[in-house]
Amino acid sequence: MKKHSTKEQILSITPSVPCWVEGGYILFDRKFYDGILLYIKEWPGSLRLIMKTSTTSLPAFGIIKKHVDEVPFEFLLLDKGEKIGHTHIEGTSILLASADSYDQLHLSAICNKEKIKCCYIIEYITETRYQINNLEAKNLLINMRRRLFIWQTERRRINAFKSADAIQANGMPAYNAYKDYANSLLYFDTRVNKTSVITDEKLKERLDILTSKSPLKLAFSGRLIAMKGVDDLIEVALKLKEKQIPYELEIFGAGNLEGFISEKIKDHNLTNVTLKGSVDFDTELVPYIKKNIDLYLILHKQSDPSCTYLETLSCGIPIIGYNNKAFSGLLNKVDLGWGVPIGDINGVVEIITNINSHREQIKFKAQKGLELARLHDFETTFKARMNQLKSLTV
């Protein structure tokens, strides 16, 4: 392990995301790696990164390859099945750990023993974990076993929070659930920086087109999986077709329901629904939706604090979504879209039908959502999180 000055403030990070290994090279998710570089820039000391290796295939976009000797931080790669222990965080001043990772919930106890400050990041609440389990585990026995594991792990998570020094909660559900256990910070995850947030001029250009009788431009982006509600997008499209509402729906992303959606589009001749596949977020997706999309459909069937919410609002696009706790939490703060109960496809269709005849609603809610997004751009959010960590060293 690298030797550090006894006066040096070491920030150790144990993220939930893994890296990939090829020979002597480490492959990182580019957005994650760029974030680590920002930690290095802003942290008044040195940084240690402790990561596990992924065995899954590499994503199609957004990978950066670095030789293990050229990364500008101390890097510890865990062996398969290796548990993070006191030797990994020795000399650490502050540990930033993931409370969504069940194998990191013991770390606050180690930190207490070693007199290390511990801050946990948390995104999911118990309800979300149960929702995902119900969507994925159709076998009753497997479902019940997973429910028991979720329940037991939540008890450990709460104990970990009780002995932690701080919590950074992504989204309203996690903040409301855990804010009383430690010094807590609410933040909204986003990849959109200040310069990428849509300008008033560009928003006006797009909104002015709404006065025409052109079809409503709808979109979805994200993983094409059941928990994201992408199967419901097809049901919405079919009902809009029956009602003869003019629209175009573009679906960005990849996942195990991609084939299902493609077949449904062909079977029902949904010529105005297009699968766009995975595209680069910064260079393709954001510029395109800022210019072309009127409404986003985010029909998530669980309450995870998806970055899609704030990223969509930063493009000046209102959201029609299911009232999971993440989206309803945003709606309770700002009138930035329309919410319906989870699974209420008819409710979604009714809203789109009404908007088609009253398009001025989009303009009002686009402005409201943009106001919120400007308060929570990437730089502002990162600065608040860094300031909380720095305060722990005082």
Protein backbone atom coordinates (compact mmCIF):
# COMPACT_ATOMS: atom_id res chain seq x y z
CA MET A 1 0.00 0.00 0.00
CA LYS A 2 1.19 3.52 -0.85
CA LYS A 3 2.72 5.42 2.09
CA HIS A 4 1.16 8.76 2.94
CA SER A 5 2.13 11.65 5.15
CA THR A 6 0.53 11.36 8.57
CA LYS A 7 -0.91 14.87 8.07
CA GLU A 8 -2.39 14.07 4.67
CA GLN A 9 -6.17 13.87 4.41
CA ILE A 10 -7.02 10.67 2.52
CA LEU A 11 -10.46 10.26 0.99
CA SER A 12 -11.18 6.59 0.27
CA ILE A 13 -14.09 5.73 -2.04
CA THR A 14 -15.69 2.29 -2.26
CA PRO A 15 -18.21 2.68 -5.10
CA SER A 16 -21.04 0.31 -5.93
CA VAL A 17 -20.06 0.29 -9.60
CA PRO A 18 -17.29 -2.09 -10.75
CA CYS A 19 -14.50 -1.75 -13.27
CA TRP A 20 -13.24 -4.15 -15.94
CA VAL A 21 -9.73 -5.60 -16.27
CA GLU A 22 -7.85 -6.39 -19.49
CA GLY A 23 -4.24 -7.38 -18.96
CA GLY A 24 -2.53 -4.55 -17.15
CA TYR A 25 -5.31 -2.13 -18.01
CA ILE A 26 -8.30 -1.02 -16.02
CA LEU A 27 -11.47 -0.03 -17.87
CA PHE A 28 -13.77 2.46 -16.16
CA ASP A 29 -17.14 3.89 -16.98
CA ARG A 30 -16.17 7.28 -18.40
CA LYS A 31 -18.68 9.30 -16.37
CA PHE A 32 -17.54 7.58 -13.19
CA TYR A 33 -13.89 8.19 -14.02
CA ASP A 34 -14.53 11.85 -14.82
CA GLY A 35 -16.27 12.13 -11.46
CA ILE A 36 -13.25 10.67 -9.68
CA LEU A 37 -11.03 13.25 -11.38
CA LEU A 38 -13.28 15.96 -9.95
CA TYR A 39 -12.89 14.47 -6.47
CA ILE A 40 -9.12 14.65 -6.94
CA LYS A 41 -9.37 18.28 -8.05
CA GLU A 42 -11.59 19.38 -5.17
CA TRP A 43 -10.36 17.22 -2.30
CA PRO A 44 -7.59 18.85 -0.17
CA GLY A 45 -5.52 15.69 0.06
CA SER A 46 -5.17 12.41 -1.81
CA LEU A 47 -7.69 9.87 -3.03
CA ARG A 48 -7.82 6.10 -2.74
CA LEU A 49 -10.22 4.09 -4.90
CA ILE A 50 -11.21 0.57 -3.83
CA MET A 51 -13.12 -1.35 -6.52
CA LYS A 52 -14.30 -4.78 -7.49
CA THR A 53 -14.07 -6.31 -10.97
CA SER A 54 -17.06 -6.86 -13.23
CA THR A 55 -17.53 -10.08 -15.20
CA THR A 56 -20.30 -8.59 -17.38
CA SER A 57 -19.74 -7.43 -20.94
CA LEU A 58 -18.54 -3.90 -21.59
CA PRO A 59 -21.13 -1.20 -22.37
CA ALA A 60 -21.34 -0.03 -25.97
CA PHE A 61 -20.43 3.54 -25.03
CA GLY A 62 -18.58 5.51 -22.43
CA ILE A 63 -15.55 3.38 -21.47
CA ILE A 64 -12.10 4.78 -20.69
CA LYS A 65 -9.00 2.55 -20.60
CA LYS A 66 -6.11 3.28 -18.26
CA HIS A 67 -2.96 1.40 -17.34
CA VAL A 68 -2.92 0.62 -13.64
CA ASP A 69 0.28 2.68 -13.23
CA GLU A 70 -1.07 5.85 -14.89
CA VAL A 71 -4.20 6.55 -12.84
CA PRO A 72 -3.78 9.71 -10.72
CA PHE A 73 -4.95 8.10 -7.50
CA GLU A 74 -4.15 5.16 -5.28
CA PHE A 75 -6.01 2.19 -6.71
CA LEU A 76 -6.88 -1.04 -4.90
CA LEU A 77 -8.52 -3.80 -6.91
CA LEU A 78 -10.39 -6.39 -4.86
CA ASP A 79 -10.02 -10.07 -5.63
CA LYS A 80 -13.17 -11.98 -6.51
CA GLY A 81 -15.23 -12.37 -3.34
CA GLU A 82 -12.79 -10.27 -1.28
CA LYS A 83 -14.41 -8.24 1.47
CA ILE A 84 -13.29 -4.71 2.23
CA GLY A 85 -11.52 -4.65 5.59
CA HIS A 86 -9.49 -2.35 7.80
CA THR A 87 -6.29 -2.98 5.81
CA HIS A 88 -7.92 -1.49 2.69
CA ILE A 89 -8.88 1.74 4.45
CA GLU A 90 -5.86 2.07 6.72
CA GLY A 91 -4.80 5.70 7.07
CA THR A 92 -8.07 6.98 5.64
CA SER A 93 -9.49 10.26 6.93
CA ILE A 94 -12.94 9.91 5.38
CA LEU A 95 -14.55 6.89 3.76
CA LEU A 96 -17.24 7.44 1.14
CA ALA A 97 -19.12 4.14 0.87
CA SER A 98 -22.19 2.78 -0.88
CA ALA A 99 -25.11 1.81 1.35
CA ASP A 100 -26.85 0.25 -1.65
CA SER A 101 -24.12 -2.41 -1.64
CA TYR A 102 -24.99 -5.00 1.01
CA ASP A 103 -21.31 -5.94 1.31
CA GLN A 104 -20.34 -2.45 2.49
CA LEU A 105 -22.69 -2.12 5.44
CA HIS A 106 -20.01 -3.27 7.89
CA LEU A 107 -17.70 -0.39 7.03
CA SER A 108 -19.10 2.24 9.42
CA ALA A 109 -18.35 -0.09 12.34
CA ILE A 110 -14.76 -0.49 11.15
CA CYS A 111 -14.49 3.28 10.73
CA ASN A 112 -15.70 3.85 14.29
CA LYS A 113 -13.05 1.47 15.58
CA GLU A 114 -10.30 3.04 13.48
CA LYS A 115 -11.45 6.64 14.17
CA ILE A 116 -12.25 7.22 10.50
CA LYS A 117 -15.16 9.41 9.40
CA CYS A 118 -17.72 7.46 7.36
CA CYS A 119 -20.20 8.90 4.85
CA TYR A 120 -22.68 6.63 3.07
CA ILE A 121 -24.33 7.26 -0.30
CA ILE A 122 -27.85 5.82 -0.57
CA GLU A 123 -30.29 5.71 -3.50
CA TYR A 124 -32.79 2.88 -3.03
CA ILE A 125 -35.36 2.54 -0.28
CA THR A 126 -36.74 -0.79 0.92
CA GLU A 127 -39.95 -0.35 -1.04
CA THR A 128 -37.97 -0.02 -4.27
CA ARG A 129 -36.09 -3.24 -3.54
CA TYR A 130 -39.37 -5.07 -2.95
CA GLN A 131 -40.81 -3.60 -6.16
CA ILE A 132 -37.84 -4.76 -8.20
CA ASN A 133 -38.02 -8.19 -6.59
CA ASN A 134 -41.69 -8.54 -7.53
CA LEU A 135 -40.91 -7.60 -11.12
CA GLU A 136 -37.95 -9.98 -11.44
CA ALA A 137 -38.75 -12.98 -9.24
CA LYS A 138 -41.99 -14.57 -10.42
CA ASN A 139 -41.28 -17.85 -8.62
CA LEU A 140 -42.95 -17.58 -5.21
CA LEU A 141 -40.20 -19.39 -3.26
CA ILE A 142 -37.42 -17.33 -4.84
CA ASN A 143 -39.45 -14.18 -4.29
CA MET A 144 -39.92 -14.92 -0.58
CA ARG A 145 -36.26 -15.77 -0.08
CA ARG A 146 -35.26 -12.49 -1.65
CA ARG A 147 -37.79 -10.60 0.46
CA LEU A 148 -36.26 -12.10 3.58
CA PHE A 149 -32.78 -11.10 2.42
CA ILE A 150 -33.99 -7.56 1.69
CA TRP A 151 -35.58 -7.31 5.15
CA GLN A 152 -32.48 -8.62 6.92
CA THR A 153 -30.19 -6.35 4.92
CA GLU A 154 -32.32 -3.32 5.73
CA ARG A 155 -31.83 -3.98 9.45
CA ARG A 156 -28.08 -3.99 8.83
CA ARG A 157 -28.33 -0.83 6.74
CA ILE A 158 -30.10 1.09 9.49
CA ASN A 159 -27.49 -0.04 12.02
CA ALA A 160 -24.78 1.11 9.64
CA PHE A 161 -26.41 4.53 9.33
CA LYS A 162 -26.68 4.87 13.10
CA SER A 163 -22.91 4.58 13.40
CA ALA A 164 -22.12 6.68 10.29
CA ASP A 165 -21.08 10.34 10.36
CA ALA A 166 -23.03 11.46 7.31
CA ILE A 167 -25.43 10.34 4.60
CA GLN A 168 -25.75 11.59 1.04
CA ALA A 169 -29.24 10.67 -0.16
CA ASN A 170 -30.01 10.67 -3.87
CA GLY A 171 -33.64 11.70 -4.36
CA MET A 172 -36.58 12.41 -2.10
CA PRO A 173 -37.45 8.78 -1.21
CA ALA A 174 -34.01 7.96 0.22
CA TYR A 175 -33.72 11.32 1.95
CA ASN A 176 -37.12 11.01 3.61
CA ALA A 177 -36.43 7.42 4.67
CA TYR A 178 -32.97 7.90 6.19
CA LYS A 179 -32.47 11.60 7.00
CA ASP A 180 -32.88 11.10 10.75
CA TYR A 181 -30.05 8.59 11.18
CA ALA A 182 -27.07 10.87 10.52
CA ASN A 183 -26.04 14.25 9.14
CA SER A 184 -27.94 13.99 5.85
CA LEU A 185 -27.68 15.76 2.50
CA LEU A 186 -30.34 15.61 -0.21
CA TYR A 187 -29.11 15.68 -3.80
CA PHE A 188 -30.52 14.87 -7.23
CA ASP A 189 -28.30 12.84 -9.52
CA THR A 190 -27.63 14.33 -12.95
CA ARG A 191 -24.96 14.21 -15.62
CA VAL A 192 -25.91 17.57 -17.12
CA ASN A 193 -23.52 20.44 -16.37
CA LYS A 194 -24.29 24.15 -16.40
CA THR A 195 -23.26 24.67 -20.02
CA SER A 196 -25.45 21.80 -21.22
CA VAL A 197 -28.66 23.00 -19.58
CA ILE A 198 -30.95 24.33 -22.32
CA THR A 199 -30.94 28.11 -22.74
CA ASP A 200 -34.11 30.19 -22.63
CA GLU A 201 -33.63 31.05 -26.30
CA LYS A 202 -33.32 27.42 -27.45
CA LEU A 203 -36.27 26.40 -25.29
CA LYS A 204 -38.41 29.15 -26.82
CA GLU A 205 -37.45 28.01 -30.33
CA ARG A 206 -38.67 24.50 -29.60
CA LEU A 207 -41.77 25.52 -27.70
CA ASP A 208 -42.87 27.87 -30.48
CA ILE A 209 -43.22 24.86 -32.78
CA LEU A 210 -45.97 23.56 -30.48
CA THR A 211 -48.37 26.11 -31.91
CA SER A 212 -48.43 24.09 -35.11
CA LYS A 213 -50.59 21.00 -35.58
CA SER A 214 -47.56 18.73 -35.89
CA PRO A 215 -47.64 15.44 -33.94
CA LEU A 216 -46.58 15.56 -30.29
CA LYS A 217 -42.97 14.41 -29.99
CA LEU A 218 -42.70 11.87 -27.15
CA ALA A 219 -39.57 10.09 -25.93
CA PHE A 220 -38.17 7.60 -23.45
CA SER A 221 -34.52 6.89 -22.66
CA GLY A 222 -32.99 4.31 -20.35
CA ARG A 223 -32.68 0.59 -19.90
CA LEU A 224 -35.33 -1.36 -21.77
CA ILE A 225 -36.36 -3.52 -18.82
CA ALA A 226 -39.57 -4.20 -16.91
CA MET A 227 -38.77 -2.05 -13.88
CA LYS A 228 -38.48 0.97 -16.18
CA GLY A 229 -41.99 0.36 -17.51
CA VAL A 230 -40.99 0.15 -21.17
CA ASP A 231 -43.59 -2.55 -21.87
CA ASP A 232 -46.24 -0.01 -20.89
CA LEU A 233 -44.95 2.36 -23.57
CA ILE A 234 -46.34 0.02 -26.22
CA GLU A 235 -49.74 -0.06 -24.51
CA VAL A 236 -49.77 3.73 -24.45
CA ALA A 237 -48.85 3.84 -28.14
CA LEU A 238 -51.65 1.42 -29.04
CA LYS A 239 -54.28 3.44 -27.17
CA LEU A 240 -53.10 6.70 -28.72
CA LYS A 241 -53.41 5.06 -32.13
CA GLU A 242 -56.97 3.97 -31.34
CA LYS A 243 -57.86 7.52 -30.30
CA GLN A 244 -56.18 8.90 -33.43
CA ILE A 245 -53.98 11.25 -31.43
CA PRO A 246 -51.12 12.50 -33.62
CA TYR A 247 -47.79 11.61 -31.97
CA GLU A 248 -44.31 10.24 -32.53
CA LEU A 249 -42.59 8.14 -29.86
CA GLU A 250 -38.82 7.60 -29.90
CA ILE A 251 -37.33 5.03 -27.52
CA PHE A 252 -33.62 5.30 -26.70
CA GLY A 253 -31.71 2.53 -24.95
CA ALA A 254 -31.10 -1.20 -24.83
CA GLY A 255 -32.19 -4.07 -22.61
CA ASN A 256 -33.86 -7.46 -22.46
CA LEU A 257 -37.22 -6.08 -23.65
CA GLU A 258 -35.81 -4.64 -26.85
CA GLY A 259 -36.87 -7.67 -28.89
CA PHE A 260 -40.34 -7.64 -27.32
CA ILE A 261 -40.84 -3.99 -28.18
CA SER A 262 -39.57 -4.47 -31.72
CA GLU A 263 -42.02 -7.34 -32.28
CA LYS A 264 -44.95 -5.33 -30.91
CA ILE A 265 -44.10 -2.41 -33.18
CA LYS A 266 -44.19 -4.73 -36.20
CA ASP A 267 -47.25 -6.73 -35.09
CA HIS A 268 -49.37 -3.62 -34.57
CA ASN A 269 -47.87 -1.57 -37.39
CA LEU A 270 -46.83 1.21 -35.02
CA THR A 271 -45.02 3.18 -37.69
CA ASN A 272 -44.79 6.25 -35.46
CA VAL A 273 -42.86 4.36 -32.74
CA THR A 274 -39.10 4.11 -33.31
CA LEU A 275 -36.42 2.17 -31.47
CA LYS A 276 -33.31 4.34 -31.55
CA GLY A 277 -30.92 2.01 -29.67
CA SER A 278 -28.14 3.16 -27.36
CA VAL A 279 -26.59 6.52 -28.20
CA ASP A 280 -23.90 8.62 -26.55
CA PHE A 281 -25.45 10.75 -23.83
CA ASP A 282 -23.49 13.99 -24.31
CA THR A 283 -22.92 14.09 -28.05
CA GLU A 284 -26.16 12.55 -29.34
CA LEU A 285 -28.99 12.12 -26.84
CA VAL A 286 -28.97 15.48 -25.05
CA PRO A 287 -28.56 17.66 -28.18
CA TYR A 288 -31.29 15.70 -29.95
CA ILE A 289 -33.95 15.77 -27.27
CA LYS A 290 -33.32 19.45 -26.46
CA LYS A 291 -34.17 20.28 -30.07
CA ASN A 292 -36.88 17.76 -30.93
CA ILE A 293 -38.86 16.40 -27.94
CA ASP A 294 -42.02 17.86 -26.37
CA LEU A 295 -42.75 15.34 -23.60
CA TYR A 296 -40.90 12.54 -21.81
CA LEU A 297 -42.63 9.36 -20.70
CA ILE A 298 -40.99 7.98 -17.54
CA LEU A 299 -43.21 5.08 -16.49
CA HIS A 300 -40.90 3.62 -13.85
CA LYS A 301 -42.66 0.97 -11.78
CA GLN A 302 -40.46 1.53 -8.75
CA SER A 303 -39.09 4.44 -6.78
CA ASP A 304 -35.41 4.62 -7.72
CA PRO A 305 -34.05 8.19 -8.08
CA SER A 306 -33.22 7.86 -11.76
CA CYS A 307 -30.97 10.59 -13.13
CA THR A 308 -33.35 10.67 -16.12
CA TYR A 309 -35.72 12.91 -14.17
CA LEU A 310 -33.35 15.86 -13.64
CA GLU A 311 -31.59 15.33 -16.97
CA THR A 312 -34.92 15.54 -18.79
CA LEU A 313 -35.94 18.68 -16.93
CA SER A 314 -32.58 20.29 -17.73
CA CYS A 315 -33.49 19.93 -21.40
CA GLY A 316 -36.72 21.85 -20.80
CA ILE A 317 -38.93 18.80 -21.26
CA PRO A 318 -41.89 18.13 -18.94
CA ILE A 319 -42.48 14.59 -17.72
CA ILE A 320 -45.50 12.31 -17.71
CA GLY A 321 -44.72 9.62 -15.18
CA TYR A 322 -45.93 7.07 -12.71
CA ASN A 323 -46.34 8.40 -9.18
CA ASN A 324 -43.62 6.34 -7.58
CA LYS A 325 -42.04 8.04 -4.58
CA ALA A 326 -39.18 9.48 -6.64
CA PHE A 327 -41.38 11.24 -9.19
CA SER A 328 -44.15 12.22 -6.78
CA GLY A 329 -41.45 13.70 -4.54
CA LEU A 330 -40.39 15.98 -7.40
CA LEU A 331 -43.99 16.89 -8.25
CA ASN A 332 -44.57 17.87 -4.64
CA LYS A 333 -41.73 20.38 -4.97
CA VAL A 334 -42.46 21.81 -8.42
CA ASP A 335 -45.30 21.59 -10.98
CA LEU A 336 -43.02 20.10 -13.62
CA GLY A 337 -45.21 17.41 -15.18
CA TRP A 338 -48.09 15.03 -14.74
CA GLY A 339 -48.30 11.97 -12.50
CA VAL A 340 -50.65 8.98 -12.50
CA PRO A 341 -50.79 5.85 -10.33
CA ILE A 342 -48.31 3.12 -11.25
CA GLY A 343 -49.77 1.03 -14.07
CA ASP A 344 -52.49 3.55 -15.00
CA ILE A 345 -51.95 3.45 -18.76
CA ASN A 346 -55.38 4.96 -19.44
CA GLY A 347 -54.42 7.88 -17.19
CA VAL A 348 -51.28 8.48 -19.26
CA VAL A 349 -53.30 8.41 -22.48
CA GLU A 350 -55.89 10.83 -21.09
CA ILE A 351 -53.15 13.29 -20.13
CA ILE A 352 -51.55 13.13 -23.59
CA THR A 353 -54.97 13.54 -25.21
CA ASN A 354 -55.66 16.64 -23.13
CA ILE A 355 -52.21 18.09 -23.79
CA ASN A 356 -52.70 17.62 -27.52
CA SER A 357 -55.60 20.07 -27.36
CA HIS A 358 -54.01 22.39 -24.78
CA ARG A 359 -50.34 22.55 -25.71
CA GLU A 360 -49.71 25.69 -23.70
CA GLN A 361 -49.49 23.37 -20.66
CA ILE A 362 -46.18 22.10 -21.95
CA LYS A 363 -44.71 25.60 -22.00
CA PHE A 364 -45.63 26.31 -18.38
CA LYS A 365 -44.35 23.02 -17.01
CA ALA A 366 -41.19 23.10 -19.15
CA GLN A 367 -40.26 26.41 -17.53
CA LYS A 368 -41.01 25.14 -14.01
CA GLY A 369 -38.94 22.00 -14.50
CA LEU A 370 -36.06 23.99 -15.96
CA GLU A 371 -36.04 26.25 -12.91
CA LEU A 372 -35.56 23.21 -10.67
CA ALA A 373 -32.90 21.70 -12.93
CA ARG A 374 -30.86 24.91 -12.86
CA LEU A 375 -30.69 24.67 -9.08
CA HIS A 376 -29.34 21.11 -9.30
CA ASP A 377 -26.94 21.01 -12.24
CA PHE A 378 -23.94 18.71 -11.95
CA GLU A 379 -21.46 21.32 -10.71
CA THR A 380 -23.80 22.69 -8.03
CA THR A 381 -24.69 19.21 -6.85
CA PHE A 382 -21.07 18.05 -6.72
CA LYS A 383 -19.97 21.16 -4.81
CA ALA A 384 -22.63 20.58 -2.14
CA ARG A 385 -21.56 16.95 -1.73
CA MET A 386 -17.88 17.88 -1.51
CA ASN A 387 -18.58 20.59 1.05
CA GLN A 388 -20.32 18.05 3.26
CA LEU A 389 -17.31 15.72 3.09
CA LYS A 390 -14.89 18.55 3.84
CA SER A 391 -16.96 19.56 6.85
CA LEU A 392 -16.30 16.15 8.39
CA THR A 393 -12.58 16.93 8.64
CA VAL A 394 -13.14 20.02 10.78
